[in-house]
């Protein structure tokens, strides 16, 4: 039985992360902000979802663009591992920035988050 090259897994996981991140951004950021702008009552939002969406987008782009040969950090070369952890850090920072922006925007629209 033939095994698939690891870059195929990177592409698949990258597409899944990117699609999931876009879905999270739409569902947990875009929809609530649109409802807040229309001054709707009984809004529900998830602050975890606000942070997870951007994280998934950045990590999905990393997987699609750089296509690491292995998805396990302990099996990567030193340089690949450094890039991997930098991207994880960037993803976390972007998630936190998105959370802070969402909170600020909701406050501007008159909602307490």
N, C-alpha and C. Protein backbone atom coordinates (compact mmCIF):
# COMPACT_ATOMS: atom_id res chain seq x y z
N UNK A 1 0.84 -1.17 0.00
CA UNK A 1 0.00 0.00 0.00
C UNK A 1 0.89 1.25 0.00
N UNK A 2 0.54 2.20 -0.80
CA UNK A 2 1.34 3.41 -0.97
C UNK A 2 0.93 4.47 0.05
N UNK A 3 1.89 5.11 0.66
CA UNK A 3 1.57 6.17 1.62
C UNK A 3 1.63 7.52 0.91
N UNK A 4 0.78 8.43 1.37
CA UNK A 4 0.75 9.76 0.77
C UNK A 4 1.93 10.58 1.27
N UNK A 5 2.49 11.44 0.41
CA UNK A 5 3.55 12.33 0.89
C UNK A 5 3.02 13.25 1.98
N UNK A 6 3.90 13.65 2.89
CA UNK A 6 3.45 14.46 4.02
C UNK A 6 2.95 15.83 3.59
N UNK A 7 3.40 16.35 2.43
CA UNK A 7 2.92 17.66 2.01
C UNK A 7 1.44 17.60 1.65
N UNK A 8 0.94 16.42 1.26
CA UNK A 8 -0.50 16.29 1.01
C UNK A 8 -1.27 16.48 2.32
N UNK A 9 -0.73 15.95 3.42
CA UNK A 9 -1.37 16.15 4.72
C UNK A 9 -1.35 17.62 5.09
N UNK A 10 -0.24 18.29 4.82
CA UNK A 10 -0.15 19.72 5.13
C UNK A 10 -1.20 20.51 4.36
N UNK A 11 -1.37 20.19 3.10
CA UNK A 11 -2.37 20.89 2.29
C UNK A 11 -3.76 20.62 2.82
N UNK A 12 -4.06 19.35 3.12
CA UNK A 12 -5.38 18.99 3.63
C UNK A 12 -5.65 19.69 4.96
N UNK A 13 -4.72 19.58 5.90
CA UNK A 13 -4.91 20.22 7.20
C UNK A 13 -4.92 21.74 7.08
N UNK A 14 -4.14 22.28 6.16
CA UNK A 14 -4.14 23.72 5.94
C UNK A 14 -5.48 24.21 5.43
N UNK A 15 -6.05 23.49 4.48
CA UNK A 15 -7.38 23.86 3.95
C UNK A 15 -8.45 23.73 5.03
N UNK A 16 -8.37 22.67 5.83
CA UNK A 16 -9.34 22.49 6.91
C UNK A 16 -9.22 23.60 7.96
N UNK A 17 -7.98 23.95 8.33
CA UNK A 17 -7.78 25.03 9.30
C UNK A 17 -8.26 26.37 8.74
N UNK A 18 -7.93 26.63 7.49
CA UNK A 18 -8.34 27.89 6.87
C UNK A 18 -9.86 27.99 6.77
N UNK A 19 -10.51 26.92 6.33
CA UNK A 19 -11.97 26.92 6.23
C UNK A 19 -12.60 27.05 7.61
N UNK A 20 -12.07 26.32 8.57
CA UNK A 20 -12.59 26.41 9.94
C UNK A 20 -12.40 27.80 10.52
N UNK A 21 -11.23 28.40 10.28
CA UNK A 21 -10.96 29.75 10.77
C UNK A 21 -11.90 30.78 10.16
N UNK A 22 -12.14 30.67 8.86
CA UNK A 22 -13.07 31.60 8.20
C UNK A 22 -14.48 31.40 8.75
N UNK A 23 -14.88 30.16 8.98
CA UNK A 23 -16.21 29.88 9.55
C UNK A 23 -16.31 30.46 10.97
N UNK A 24 -15.26 30.29 11.77
CA UNK A 24 -15.27 30.84 13.13
C UNK A 24 -15.36 32.36 13.08
N UNK A 25 -14.59 32.99 12.20
CA UNK A 25 -14.62 34.45 12.10
C UNK A 25 -16.01 34.93 11.69
N UNK A 26 -16.60 34.26 10.73
CA UNK A 26 -17.94 34.66 10.29
C UNK A 26 -18.96 34.48 11.41
N UNK A 27 -18.93 33.31 12.06
CA UNK A 27 -19.95 32.99 13.05
C UNK A 27 -19.75 33.72 14.36
N UNK A 28 -18.52 33.85 14.82
CA UNK A 28 -18.28 34.40 16.14
C UNK A 28 -17.87 35.87 16.16
N UNK A 29 -17.48 36.43 15.01
CA UNK A 29 -17.09 37.84 14.97
C UNK A 29 -18.03 38.65 14.08
N UNK A 30 -18.14 38.26 12.82
CA UNK A 30 -18.91 39.04 11.86
C UNK A 30 -20.39 39.12 12.22
N UNK A 31 -21.02 37.95 12.45
CA UNK A 31 -22.46 37.94 12.76
C UNK A 31 -22.80 38.74 14.01
N UNK A 32 -22.10 38.52 15.14
CA UNK A 32 -22.44 39.31 16.34
C UNK A 32 -22.22 40.81 16.15
N UNK A 33 -21.15 41.20 15.45
CA UNK A 33 -20.93 42.63 15.25
C UNK A 33 -22.00 43.25 14.35
N UNK A 34 -22.44 42.51 13.35
CA UNK A 34 -23.55 42.99 12.52
C UNK A 34 -24.82 43.14 13.35
N UNK A 35 -25.10 42.17 14.21
CA UNK A 35 -26.28 42.25 15.07
C UNK A 35 -26.15 43.41 16.06
N UNK A 36 -24.96 43.64 16.58
CA UNK A 36 -24.74 44.76 17.50
C UNK A 36 -24.93 46.09 16.78
N UNK A 37 -24.47 46.18 15.54
CA UNK A 37 -24.63 47.41 14.77
C UNK A 37 -26.11 47.70 14.50
N UNK A 38 -26.92 46.64 14.42
CA UNK A 38 -28.36 46.81 14.20
C UNK A 38 -29.13 46.93 15.51
N UNK A 39 -28.39 46.97 16.63
CA UNK A 39 -28.95 47.14 17.97
C UNK A 39 -29.96 46.05 18.34
N UNK A 40 -29.66 44.82 17.99
CA UNK A 40 -30.52 43.70 18.35
C UNK A 40 -30.32 43.33 19.81
N UNK A 41 -31.38 42.80 20.41
CA UNK A 41 -31.32 42.35 21.79
C UNK A 41 -31.03 40.86 21.83
N UNK A 42 -30.69 40.37 23.01
CA UNK A 42 -30.45 38.94 23.26
C UNK A 42 -29.38 38.36 22.33
N UNK A 43 -28.27 39.04 22.25
CA UNK A 43 -27.17 38.55 21.43
C UNK A 43 -26.36 37.52 22.19
N UNK A 44 -25.87 36.54 21.48
CA UNK A 44 -24.95 35.59 22.11
C UNK A 44 -23.66 35.59 21.30
N UNK A 45 -22.57 35.52 22.00
CA UNK A 45 -21.27 35.47 21.36
C UNK A 45 -20.33 34.67 22.24
N UNK A 46 -19.32 34.13 21.62
CA UNK A 46 -18.33 33.34 22.34
C UNK A 46 -16.97 34.02 22.19
N UNK A 47 -16.41 34.43 23.29
CA UNK A 47 -15.10 35.09 23.23
C UNK A 47 -14.02 34.09 22.86
N UNK A 48 -14.21 32.82 23.18
CA UNK A 48 -13.25 31.79 22.75
C UNK A 48 -13.27 31.69 21.23
N UNK A 49 -14.45 31.73 20.65
CA UNK A 49 -14.57 31.66 19.20
C UNK A 49 -13.91 32.84 18.51
N UNK A 50 -13.95 34.01 19.17
CA UNK A 50 -13.31 35.21 18.61
C UNK A 50 -11.80 35.00 18.50
N UNK A 51 -11.20 34.34 19.45
CA UNK A 51 -9.76 34.11 19.43
C UNK A 51 -9.35 32.93 18.57
N UNK A 52 -10.20 31.92 18.48
CA UNK A 52 -9.84 30.70 17.75
C UNK A 52 -9.84 30.92 16.24
N UNK A 53 -10.76 31.71 15.72
CA UNK A 53 -10.85 31.94 14.28
C UNK A 53 -9.57 32.46 13.66
N UNK A 54 -9.03 33.59 14.15
CA UNK A 54 -7.78 34.10 13.59
C UNK A 54 -6.62 33.12 13.78
N UNK A 55 -6.58 32.42 14.90
CA UNK A 55 -5.53 31.42 15.13
C UNK A 55 -5.57 30.37 14.02
N UNK A 56 -6.76 29.86 13.71
CA UNK A 56 -6.88 28.83 12.67
C UNK A 56 -6.51 29.36 11.29
N UNK A 57 -6.86 30.61 11.00
CA UNK A 57 -6.53 31.18 9.69
C UNK A 57 -5.02 31.27 9.52
N UNK A 58 -4.32 31.81 10.51
CA UNK A 58 -2.87 31.95 10.40
C UNK A 58 -2.20 30.58 10.31
N UNK A 59 -2.62 29.65 11.15
CA UNK A 59 -2.00 28.34 11.14
C UNK A 59 -2.32 27.60 9.83
N UNK A 60 -3.52 27.77 9.30
CA UNK A 60 -3.87 27.17 8.02
C UNK A 60 -3.02 27.73 6.89
N UNK A 61 -2.79 29.04 6.90
CA UNK A 61 -1.93 29.65 5.89
C UNK A 61 -0.50 29.14 6.00
N UNK A 62 -0.03 28.97 7.23
CA UNK A 62 1.31 28.40 7.44
C UNK A 62 1.40 27.01 6.79
N UNK A 63 0.40 26.19 7.04
CA UNK A 63 0.43 24.84 6.48
C UNK A 63 0.34 24.85 4.96
N UNK A 64 -0.45 25.76 4.40
CA UNK A 64 -0.60 25.82 2.94
C UNK A 64 0.61 26.41 2.23
N UNK A 65 1.21 27.43 2.83
CA UNK A 65 2.31 28.12 2.16
C UNK A 65 3.64 27.39 2.35
N UNK A 66 3.96 27.03 3.59
CA UNK A 66 5.26 26.43 3.87
C UNK A 66 5.27 24.91 3.71
N UNK A 67 4.12 24.29 3.82
CA UNK A 67 3.99 22.84 3.66
C UNK A 67 5.09 22.07 4.39
N UNK A 68 5.07 22.09 5.71
CA UNK A 68 6.11 21.36 6.44
C UNK A 68 6.08 19.88 6.10
N UNK A 69 7.24 19.26 5.98
CA UNK A 69 7.28 17.85 5.60
C UNK A 69 6.72 16.93 6.67
N UNK A 70 6.69 17.40 7.90
CA UNK A 70 6.14 16.60 8.97
C UNK A 70 5.36 17.53 9.89
N UNK A 71 4.25 17.06 10.40
CA UNK A 71 3.41 17.90 11.24
C UNK A 71 3.70 17.75 12.73
N UNK A 72 4.64 16.89 13.08
CA UNK A 72 5.00 16.69 14.48
C UNK A 72 6.30 17.44 14.75
N UNK A 73 6.26 18.40 15.69
CA UNK A 73 7.46 19.21 15.94
C UNK A 73 8.70 18.40 16.31
N UNK A 74 8.53 17.30 17.02
CA UNK A 74 9.70 16.53 17.42
C UNK A 74 10.36 15.80 16.26
N UNK A 75 9.70 15.74 15.10
CA UNK A 75 10.27 15.09 13.93
C UNK A 75 10.70 16.09 12.85
N UNK A 76 10.67 17.38 13.18
CA UNK A 76 11.10 18.42 12.25
C UNK A 76 12.57 18.74 12.48
N UNK A 77 13.17 19.36 11.46
CA UNK A 77 14.53 19.86 11.64
C UNK A 77 14.48 21.08 12.57
N UNK A 78 15.63 21.51 13.04
CA UNK A 78 15.66 22.62 13.98
C UNK A 78 15.06 23.89 13.37
N UNK A 79 15.42 24.19 12.13
CA UNK A 79 14.89 25.40 11.46
C UNK A 79 13.37 25.30 11.27
N UNK A 80 12.90 24.14 10.86
CA UNK A 80 11.46 23.96 10.68
C UNK A 80 10.72 24.11 12.00
N UNK A 81 11.32 23.62 13.08
CA UNK A 81 10.71 23.71 14.40
C UNK A 81 10.63 25.17 14.86
N UNK A 82 11.68 25.94 14.57
CA UNK A 82 11.68 27.36 14.94
C UNK A 82 10.55 28.08 14.20
N UNK A 83 10.44 27.85 12.90
CA UNK A 83 9.37 28.48 12.11
C UNK A 83 8.00 28.04 12.63
N UNK A 84 7.87 26.76 12.95
CA UNK A 84 6.61 26.22 13.47
C UNK A 84 6.21 26.96 14.75
N UNK A 85 7.14 27.09 15.70
CA UNK A 85 6.79 27.73 16.97
C UNK A 85 6.59 29.23 16.80
N UNK A 86 7.29 29.86 15.87
CA UNK A 86 7.05 31.28 15.59
C UNK A 86 5.63 31.46 15.04
N UNK A 87 5.21 30.56 14.16
CA UNK A 87 3.86 30.65 13.61
C UNK A 87 2.80 30.38 14.68
N UNK A 88 3.07 29.44 15.57
CA UNK A 88 2.13 29.21 16.68
C UNK A 88 2.02 30.48 17.53
N UNK A 89 3.16 31.10 17.83
CA UNK A 89 3.16 32.33 18.61
C UNK A 89 2.42 33.45 17.90
N UNK A 90 2.67 33.61 16.60
CA UNK A 90 1.98 34.62 15.82
C UNK A 90 0.48 34.36 15.80
N UNK A 91 0.09 33.11 15.68
CA UNK A 91 -1.32 32.75 15.69
C UNK A 91 -1.98 33.13 17.01
N UNK A 92 -1.29 32.85 18.11
CA UNK A 92 -1.83 33.18 19.44
C UNK A 92 -1.95 34.69 19.61
N UNK A 93 -0.92 35.42 19.18
CA UNK A 93 -0.95 36.88 19.29
C UNK A 93 -2.10 37.44 18.45
N UNK A 94 -2.29 36.95 17.25
CA UNK A 94 -3.38 37.43 16.41
C UNK A 94 -4.73 37.11 17.03
N UNK A 95 -4.87 35.95 17.65
CA UNK A 95 -6.11 35.61 18.34
C UNK A 95 -6.40 36.58 19.47
N UNK A 96 -5.36 36.94 20.23
CA UNK A 96 -5.53 37.89 21.34
C UNK A 96 -5.88 39.28 20.82
N UNK A 97 -5.21 39.70 19.75
CA UNK A 97 -5.51 41.01 19.15
C UNK A 97 -6.95 41.04 18.62
N UNK A 98 -7.39 39.96 18.00
CA UNK A 98 -8.78 39.89 17.50
C UNK A 98 -9.76 39.97 18.66
N UNK A 99 -9.46 39.30 19.76
CA UNK A 99 -10.31 39.36 20.95
C UNK A 99 -10.41 40.78 21.48
N UNK A 100 -9.25 41.45 21.59
CA UNK A 100 -9.25 42.82 22.10
C UNK A 100 -9.98 43.76 21.15
N UNK A 101 -9.81 43.58 19.84
CA UNK A 101 -10.51 44.41 18.87
C UNK A 101 -12.01 44.19 18.95
N UNK A 102 -12.44 42.93 19.06
CA UNK A 102 -13.87 42.61 19.16
C UNK A 102 -14.46 43.28 20.40
N UNK A 103 -13.75 43.17 21.51
CA UNK A 103 -14.23 43.75 22.76
C UNK A 103 -14.35 45.27 22.63
N UNK A 104 -13.36 45.91 22.02
CA UNK A 104 -13.38 47.36 21.82
C UNK A 104 -14.53 47.76 20.90
N UNK A 105 -14.69 47.02 19.82
CA UNK A 105 -15.76 47.34 18.85
C UNK A 105 -17.14 47.16 19.47
N UNK A 106 -17.32 46.11 20.27
CA UNK A 106 -18.60 45.89 20.94
C UNK A 106 -18.90 47.02 21.93
N UNK A 107 -17.87 47.48 22.62
CA UNK A 107 -18.04 48.59 23.55
C UNK A 107 -18.43 49.87 22.81
N UNK A 108 -17.81 50.11 21.66
CA UNK A 108 -18.16 51.26 20.83
C UNK A 108 -19.62 51.21 20.40
N UNK A 109 -20.13 50.01 20.17
CA UNK A 109 -21.52 49.85 19.73
C UNK A 109 -22.50 49.85 20.90
N UNK A 110 -21.98 49.98 22.12
CA UNK A 110 -22.86 50.10 23.28
C UNK A 110 -23.13 48.80 24.01
N UNK A 111 -22.33 47.80 23.79
CA UNK A 111 -22.50 46.51 24.46
C UNK A 111 -21.32 46.26 25.40
N UNK A 112 -21.61 45.66 26.54
CA UNK A 112 -20.52 45.31 27.45
C UNK A 112 -20.15 43.85 27.23
N UNK A 113 -18.88 43.62 27.05
CA UNK A 113 -18.39 42.27 26.77
C UNK A 113 -17.65 41.77 27.98
